[in-house]
């Protein structure tokens, strides 16, 4: 996916993840840090999140950074393997999900190689 397309679609995925949890912008702001206005700009595509904001929002929303970037084809059930960037694989256990969060920064680096 082109970088421009990835950046343009982050807001839609943020909104979808927030809606799945039934959170308002105000509630997400209280839990994650960015202001309600900034979150609104992120969701509308007017602004793009920093890496720090992506990490905080992914943690708060319970999704990986990869999911917010649109790297995944099947939501939280697949992951991007930074060691083998040509492969997507299924996540089989909660422990693997936790390990994926730690690998998000490596995955971001691999995407932009």
N, C-alpha and C. Protein backbone atom coordinates (compact mmCIF):
# COMPACT_ATOMS: atom_id res chain seq x y z
N UNK A 1 0.86 -1.18 0.00
CA UNK A 1 0.00 0.00 0.00
C UNK A 1 0.90 1.24 0.00
N UNK A 2 0.58 2.21 -0.80
CA UNK A 2 1.36 3.43 -0.86
C UNK A 2 1.25 4.18 0.46
N UNK A 3 2.30 4.90 0.79
CA UNK A 3 2.32 5.64 2.06
C UNK A 3 1.16 6.61 2.15
N UNK A 4 0.85 7.30 1.07
CA UNK A 4 -0.24 8.28 1.08
C UNK A 4 -1.58 7.61 1.40
N UNK A 5 -1.79 6.45 0.80
CA UNK A 5 -3.04 5.73 1.04
C UNK A 5 -3.11 5.23 2.47
N UNK A 6 -1.98 4.78 3.01
CA UNK A 6 -1.94 4.33 4.41
C UNK A 6 -2.29 5.48 5.33
N UNK A 7 -1.65 6.62 5.12
CA UNK A 7 -1.92 7.78 5.97
C UNK A 7 -3.36 8.25 5.85
N UNK A 8 -3.90 8.21 4.65
CA UNK A 8 -5.26 8.68 4.42
C UNK A 8 -6.30 7.80 5.10
N UNK A 9 -5.98 6.52 5.31
CA UNK A 9 -6.98 5.60 5.86
C UNK A 9 -6.83 5.32 7.35
N UNK A 10 -5.82 5.86 8.00
CA UNK A 10 -5.64 5.64 9.43
C UNK A 10 -6.85 6.14 10.21
N UNK A 11 -7.36 7.29 9.85
CA UNK A 11 -8.49 7.88 10.57
C UNK A 11 -9.72 6.98 10.56
N UNK A 12 -10.00 6.36 9.43
CA UNK A 12 -11.15 5.45 9.35
C UNK A 12 -10.97 4.26 10.29
N UNK A 13 -9.74 3.73 10.34
CA UNK A 13 -9.50 2.60 11.24
C UNK A 13 -9.53 3.00 12.71
N UNK A 14 -9.05 4.21 13.01
CA UNK A 14 -9.15 4.72 14.39
C UNK A 14 -10.62 4.82 14.80
N UNK A 15 -11.42 5.41 13.94
CA UNK A 15 -12.84 5.57 14.25
C UNK A 15 -13.52 4.21 14.41
N UNK A 16 -13.20 3.27 13.53
CA UNK A 16 -13.81 1.93 13.61
C UNK A 16 -13.43 1.24 14.92
N UNK A 17 -12.16 1.35 15.31
CA UNK A 17 -11.72 0.72 16.57
C UNK A 17 -12.40 1.38 17.77
N UNK A 18 -12.52 2.70 17.74
CA UNK A 18 -13.20 3.43 18.82
C UNK A 18 -14.67 3.03 18.88
N UNK A 19 -15.31 2.96 17.73
CA UNK A 19 -16.73 2.59 17.67
C UNK A 19 -16.96 1.17 18.17
N UNK A 20 -16.05 0.24 17.84
CA UNK A 20 -16.18 -1.14 18.31
C UNK A 20 -16.20 -1.21 19.83
N UNK A 21 -15.47 -0.31 20.48
CA UNK A 21 -15.45 -0.28 21.95
C UNK A 21 -16.58 0.58 22.53
N UNK A 22 -17.32 1.26 21.67
CA UNK A 22 -18.41 2.11 22.13
C UNK A 22 -17.93 3.36 22.84
N UNK A 23 -16.75 3.85 22.48
CA UNK A 23 -16.18 5.03 23.13
C UNK A 23 -16.51 6.29 22.35
N UNK A 24 -16.74 7.36 23.07
CA UNK A 24 -16.86 8.68 22.45
C UNK A 24 -15.45 9.24 22.28
N UNK A 25 -15.32 10.30 21.49
CA UNK A 25 -14.03 10.97 21.37
C UNK A 25 -13.55 11.46 22.73
N UNK A 26 -14.46 11.98 23.52
CA UNK A 26 -14.11 12.47 24.86
C UNK A 26 -13.55 11.34 25.73
N UNK A 27 -14.20 10.18 25.71
CA UNK A 27 -13.72 9.05 26.51
C UNK A 27 -12.35 8.56 26.04
N UNK A 28 -12.16 8.49 24.72
CA UNK A 28 -10.87 8.06 24.20
C UNK A 28 -9.79 9.07 24.57
N UNK A 29 -10.12 10.34 24.52
CA UNK A 29 -9.19 11.39 24.91
C UNK A 29 -8.76 11.23 26.37
N UNK A 30 -9.73 10.98 27.24
CA UNK A 30 -9.41 10.81 28.66
C UNK A 30 -8.51 9.60 28.90
N UNK A 31 -8.69 8.55 28.11
CA UNK A 31 -7.94 7.31 28.31
C UNK A 31 -6.57 7.31 27.64
N UNK A 32 -6.43 8.06 26.53
CA UNK A 32 -5.20 7.96 25.75
C UNK A 32 -4.32 9.20 25.78
N UNK A 33 -4.89 10.36 26.08
CA UNK A 33 -4.06 11.56 26.16
C UNK A 33 -4.34 12.65 25.14
N UNK A 34 -4.37 12.34 23.83
CA UNK A 34 -4.63 13.41 22.86
C UNK A 34 -5.99 14.06 23.11
N UNK A 35 -6.07 15.36 22.82
CA UNK A 35 -7.32 16.07 23.04
C UNK A 35 -8.43 15.54 22.13
N UNK A 36 -9.66 15.82 22.52
CA UNK A 36 -10.82 15.44 21.71
C UNK A 36 -10.71 16.06 20.32
N UNK A 37 -10.29 17.32 20.25
CA UNK A 37 -10.15 18.00 18.96
C UNK A 37 -9.09 17.34 18.10
N UNK A 38 -7.96 16.97 18.72
CA UNK A 38 -6.90 16.31 17.94
C UNK A 38 -7.36 14.95 17.44
N UNK A 39 -8.05 14.19 18.29
CA UNK A 39 -8.57 12.89 17.86
C UNK A 39 -9.54 13.05 16.70
N UNK A 40 -10.37 14.08 16.77
CA UNK A 40 -11.32 14.34 15.69
C UNK A 40 -10.57 14.62 14.38
N UNK A 41 -9.49 15.40 14.47
CA UNK A 41 -8.69 15.71 13.28
C UNK A 41 -8.00 14.44 12.73
N UNK A 42 -7.57 13.57 13.64
CA UNK A 42 -6.97 12.30 13.20
C UNK A 42 -7.99 11.46 12.47
N UNK A 43 -9.18 11.34 13.04
CA UNK A 43 -10.23 10.51 12.43
C UNK A 43 -10.70 11.07 11.10
N UNK A 44 -10.71 12.38 10.96
CA UNK A 44 -11.16 12.99 9.71
C UNK A 44 -10.09 12.97 8.63
N UNK A 45 -8.84 12.64 9.02
CA UNK A 45 -7.75 12.63 8.07
C UNK A 45 -7.08 13.97 7.91
N UNK A 46 -7.53 14.95 8.68
CA UNK A 46 -6.93 16.28 8.61
C UNK A 46 -5.50 16.27 9.14
N UNK A 47 -5.24 15.39 10.09
CA UNK A 47 -3.90 15.22 10.69
C UNK A 47 -3.53 13.74 10.70
N UNK A 48 -2.22 13.47 10.76
CA UNK A 48 -1.74 12.10 10.89
C UNK A 48 -1.09 11.97 12.27
N UNK A 49 -1.28 10.81 12.91
CA UNK A 49 -0.72 10.63 14.25
C UNK A 49 0.79 10.41 14.22
N UNK A 50 1.44 10.85 15.29
CA UNK A 50 2.86 10.54 15.46
C UNK A 50 2.99 9.06 15.82
N UNK A 51 4.20 8.55 15.80
CA UNK A 51 4.42 7.16 16.21
C UNK A 51 4.02 6.99 17.67
N UNK A 52 4.36 7.97 18.51
CA UNK A 52 3.99 7.89 19.93
C UNK A 52 2.48 7.84 20.08
N UNK A 53 1.76 8.65 19.32
CA UNK A 53 0.30 8.65 19.39
C UNK A 53 -0.26 7.32 18.90
N UNK A 54 0.30 6.78 17.82
CA UNK A 54 -0.14 5.47 17.31
C UNK A 54 0.02 4.40 18.37
N UNK A 55 1.18 4.40 19.04
CA UNK A 55 1.43 3.41 20.09
C UNK A 55 0.43 3.54 21.24
N UNK A 56 0.19 4.77 21.68
CA UNK A 56 -0.75 5.00 22.79
C UNK A 56 -2.17 4.63 22.38
N UNK A 57 -2.59 5.05 21.20
CA UNK A 57 -3.94 4.75 20.74
C UNK A 57 -4.13 3.25 20.52
N UNK A 58 -3.13 2.59 19.97
CA UNK A 58 -3.27 1.15 19.75
C UNK A 58 -3.42 0.43 21.08
N UNK A 59 -2.66 0.85 22.07
CA UNK A 59 -2.75 0.24 23.40
C UNK A 59 -4.13 0.49 24.01
N UNK A 60 -4.58 1.72 23.96
CA UNK A 60 -5.88 2.08 24.53
C UNK A 60 -7.02 1.37 23.84
N UNK A 61 -6.94 1.24 22.52
CA UNK A 61 -8.02 0.63 21.73
C UNK A 61 -7.91 -0.89 21.66
N UNK A 62 -6.79 -1.43 22.11
CA UNK A 62 -6.62 -2.89 22.11
C UNK A 62 -6.40 -3.47 20.73
N UNK A 63 -5.78 -2.69 19.85
CA UNK A 63 -5.44 -3.17 18.51
C UNK A 63 -3.96 -2.89 18.27
N UNK A 64 -3.36 -3.60 17.34
CA UNK A 64 -1.95 -3.35 17.05
C UNK A 64 -1.79 -2.10 16.19
N UNK A 65 -0.59 -1.55 16.23
CA UNK A 65 -0.27 -0.44 15.33
C UNK A 65 -0.45 -0.90 13.89
N UNK A 66 -0.09 -2.14 13.62
CA UNK A 66 -0.26 -2.67 12.26
C UNK A 66 -1.71 -2.59 11.83
N UNK A 67 -2.63 -2.92 12.72
CA UNK A 67 -4.05 -2.86 12.38
C UNK A 67 -4.45 -1.42 12.05
N UNK A 68 -3.97 -0.46 12.84
CA UNK A 68 -4.30 0.94 12.58
C UNK A 68 -3.70 1.42 11.26
N UNK A 69 -2.55 0.85 10.90
CA UNK A 69 -1.92 1.21 9.62
C UNK A 69 -2.53 0.47 8.44
N UNK A 70 -3.34 -0.55 8.71
CA UNK A 70 -3.95 -1.30 7.62
C UNK A 70 -3.06 -2.38 7.06
N UNK A 71 -2.04 -2.78 7.81
CA UNK A 71 -1.14 -3.83 7.35
C UNK A 71 -1.84 -5.18 7.38
N UNK A 72 -2.77 -5.35 8.29
CA UNK A 72 -3.43 -6.62 8.48
C UNK A 72 -4.56 -6.81 7.50
N UNK A 73 -4.73 -8.05 7.07
CA UNK A 73 -5.83 -8.36 6.18
C UNK A 73 -7.06 -8.83 6.93
N UNK A 74 -6.89 -9.30 8.17
CA UNK A 74 -8.02 -9.88 8.89
C UNK A 74 -8.10 -9.37 10.32
N UNK A 75 -7.87 -8.09 10.53
CA UNK A 75 -8.00 -7.53 11.87
C UNK A 75 -6.93 -8.05 12.80
N UNK A 76 -7.28 -8.28 14.06
CA UNK A 76 -6.30 -8.67 15.06
C UNK A 76 -5.93 -10.14 14.97
N UNK A 77 -6.44 -10.87 13.99
CA UNK A 77 -6.17 -12.30 13.89
C UNK A 77 -4.97 -12.60 13.01
N UNK A 78 -4.34 -11.60 12.47
CA UNK A 78 -3.15 -11.82 11.64
C UNK A 78 -2.11 -10.80 12.02
N UNK A 79 -0.88 -11.07 11.65
CA UNK A 79 0.17 -10.12 11.97
C UNK A 79 1.19 -10.06 10.86
N UNK A 80 1.91 -8.97 10.84
CA UNK A 80 3.00 -8.76 9.89
C UNK A 80 4.27 -9.23 10.58
N UNK A 81 4.99 -10.16 9.98
CA UNK A 81 6.20 -10.72 10.56
C UNK A 81 7.39 -9.90 10.04
N UNK A 82 7.98 -9.09 10.92
CA UNK A 82 9.07 -8.20 10.50
C UNK A 82 10.31 -8.97 10.06
N UNK A 83 10.50 -10.18 10.58
CA UNK A 83 11.65 -10.98 10.18
C UNK A 83 11.45 -11.59 8.80
N UNK A 84 10.21 -11.79 8.42
CA UNK A 84 9.87 -12.32 7.10
C UNK A 84 8.76 -11.46 6.53
N UNK A 85 9.09 -10.23 6.05
CA UNK A 85 8.07 -9.27 5.68
C UNK A 85 7.15 -9.69 4.55
N UNK A 86 7.46 -10.79 3.88
CA UNK A 86 6.59 -11.26 2.80
C UNK A 86 5.47 -12.15 3.33
N UNK A 87 5.43 -12.42 4.65
CA UNK A 87 4.47 -13.37 5.19
C UNK A 87 3.53 -12.72 6.19
N UNK A 88 2.29 -13.11 6.13
CA UNK A 88 1.31 -12.80 7.16
C UNK A 88 0.96 -14.11 7.83
N UNK A 89 0.80 -14.09 9.13
CA UNK A 89 0.50 -15.33 9.82
C UNK A 89 -0.59 -15.16 10.84
N UNK A 90 -1.22 -16.24 11.22
CA UNK A 90 -2.28 -16.21 12.21
C UNK A 90 -1.69 -16.11 13.61
N UNK A 91 -2.39 -15.43 14.48
CA UNK A 91 -2.01 -15.33 15.88
C UNK A 91 -2.77 -16.43 16.61
N UNK A 92 -2.02 -17.30 17.28
CA UNK A 92 -2.64 -18.47 17.88
C UNK A 92 -2.93 -18.35 19.37
N UNK A 93 -2.30 -17.43 20.07
CA UNK A 93 -2.50 -17.37 21.51
C UNK A 93 -2.42 -15.94 22.02
N UNK A 94 -2.99 -15.68 23.22
CA UNK A 94 -2.86 -14.34 23.81
C UNK A 94 -1.41 -13.92 24.01
N UNK A 95 -0.53 -14.87 24.32
CA UNK A 95 0.89 -14.54 24.49
C UNK A 95 1.48 -13.99 23.20
N UNK A 96 1.06 -14.55 22.05
CA UNK A 96 1.54 -14.05 20.77
C UNK A 96 1.04 -12.64 20.51
N UNK A 97 -0.17 -12.35 20.93
CA UNK A 97 -0.72 -11.00 20.75
C UNK A 97 0.13 -10.01 21.53
N UNK A 98 0.51 -10.35 22.77
CA UNK A 98 1.35 -9.47 23.56
C UNK A 98 2.72 -9.28 22.92
N UNK A 99 3.27 -10.34 22.36
CA UNK A 99 4.57 -10.23 21.70
C UNK A 99 4.48 -9.35 20.46
N UNK A 100 3.35 -9.37 19.79
CA UNK A 100 3.19 -8.55 18.59
C UNK A 100 3.25 -7.07 18.92
N UNK A 101 2.70 -6.68 20.06
CA UNK A 101 2.74 -5.28 20.45
C UNK A 101 4.19 -4.80 20.56
N UNK A 102 5.06 -5.64 21.08
CA UNK A 102 6.47 -5.29 21.20
C UNK A 102 7.15 -5.23 19.84
N UNK A 103 6.62 -5.93 18.87
CA UNK A 103 7.23 -5.98 17.54
C UNK A 103 6.70 -4.90 16.60
N UNK A 104 5.72 -4.11 17.03
CA UNK A 104 5.14 -3.11 16.14
C UNK A 104 6.17 -2.13 15.59
N UNK A 105 7.11 -1.67 16.42
CA UNK A 105 8.11 -0.72 15.95
C UNK A 105 8.97 -1.35 14.86
N UNK A 106 9.36 -2.61 15.03
CA UNK A 106 10.13 -3.30 14.00
C UNK A 106 9.30 -3.44 12.73
N UNK A 107 8.03 -3.72 12.88
CA UNK A 107 7.16 -3.87 11.72
C UNK A 107 7.04 -2.57 10.96
N UNK A 108 6.92 -1.46 11.69
CA UNK A 108 6.86 -0.15 11.03
C UNK A 108 8.11 0.10 10.21
N UNK A 109 9.26 -0.24 10.77
CA UNK A 109 10.51 -0.08 10.06
C UNK A 109 10.54 -0.95 8.80
N UNK A 110 10.10 -2.19 8.93
CA UNK A 110 10.13 -3.11 7.80
C UNK A 110 9.21 -2.66 6.67
N UNK A 111 8.08 -2.06 7.00
CA UNK A 111 7.12 -1.61 6.00
C UNK A 111 7.74 -0.54 5.10
N UNK A 112 8.56 0.31 5.68
CA UNK A 112 9.11 1.45 4.94
C UNK A 112 10.48 1.19 4.35
N UNK A 113 10.91 -0.07 4.33
CA UNK A 113 12.19 -0.41 3.68
C UNK A 113 12.07 -0.36 2.19
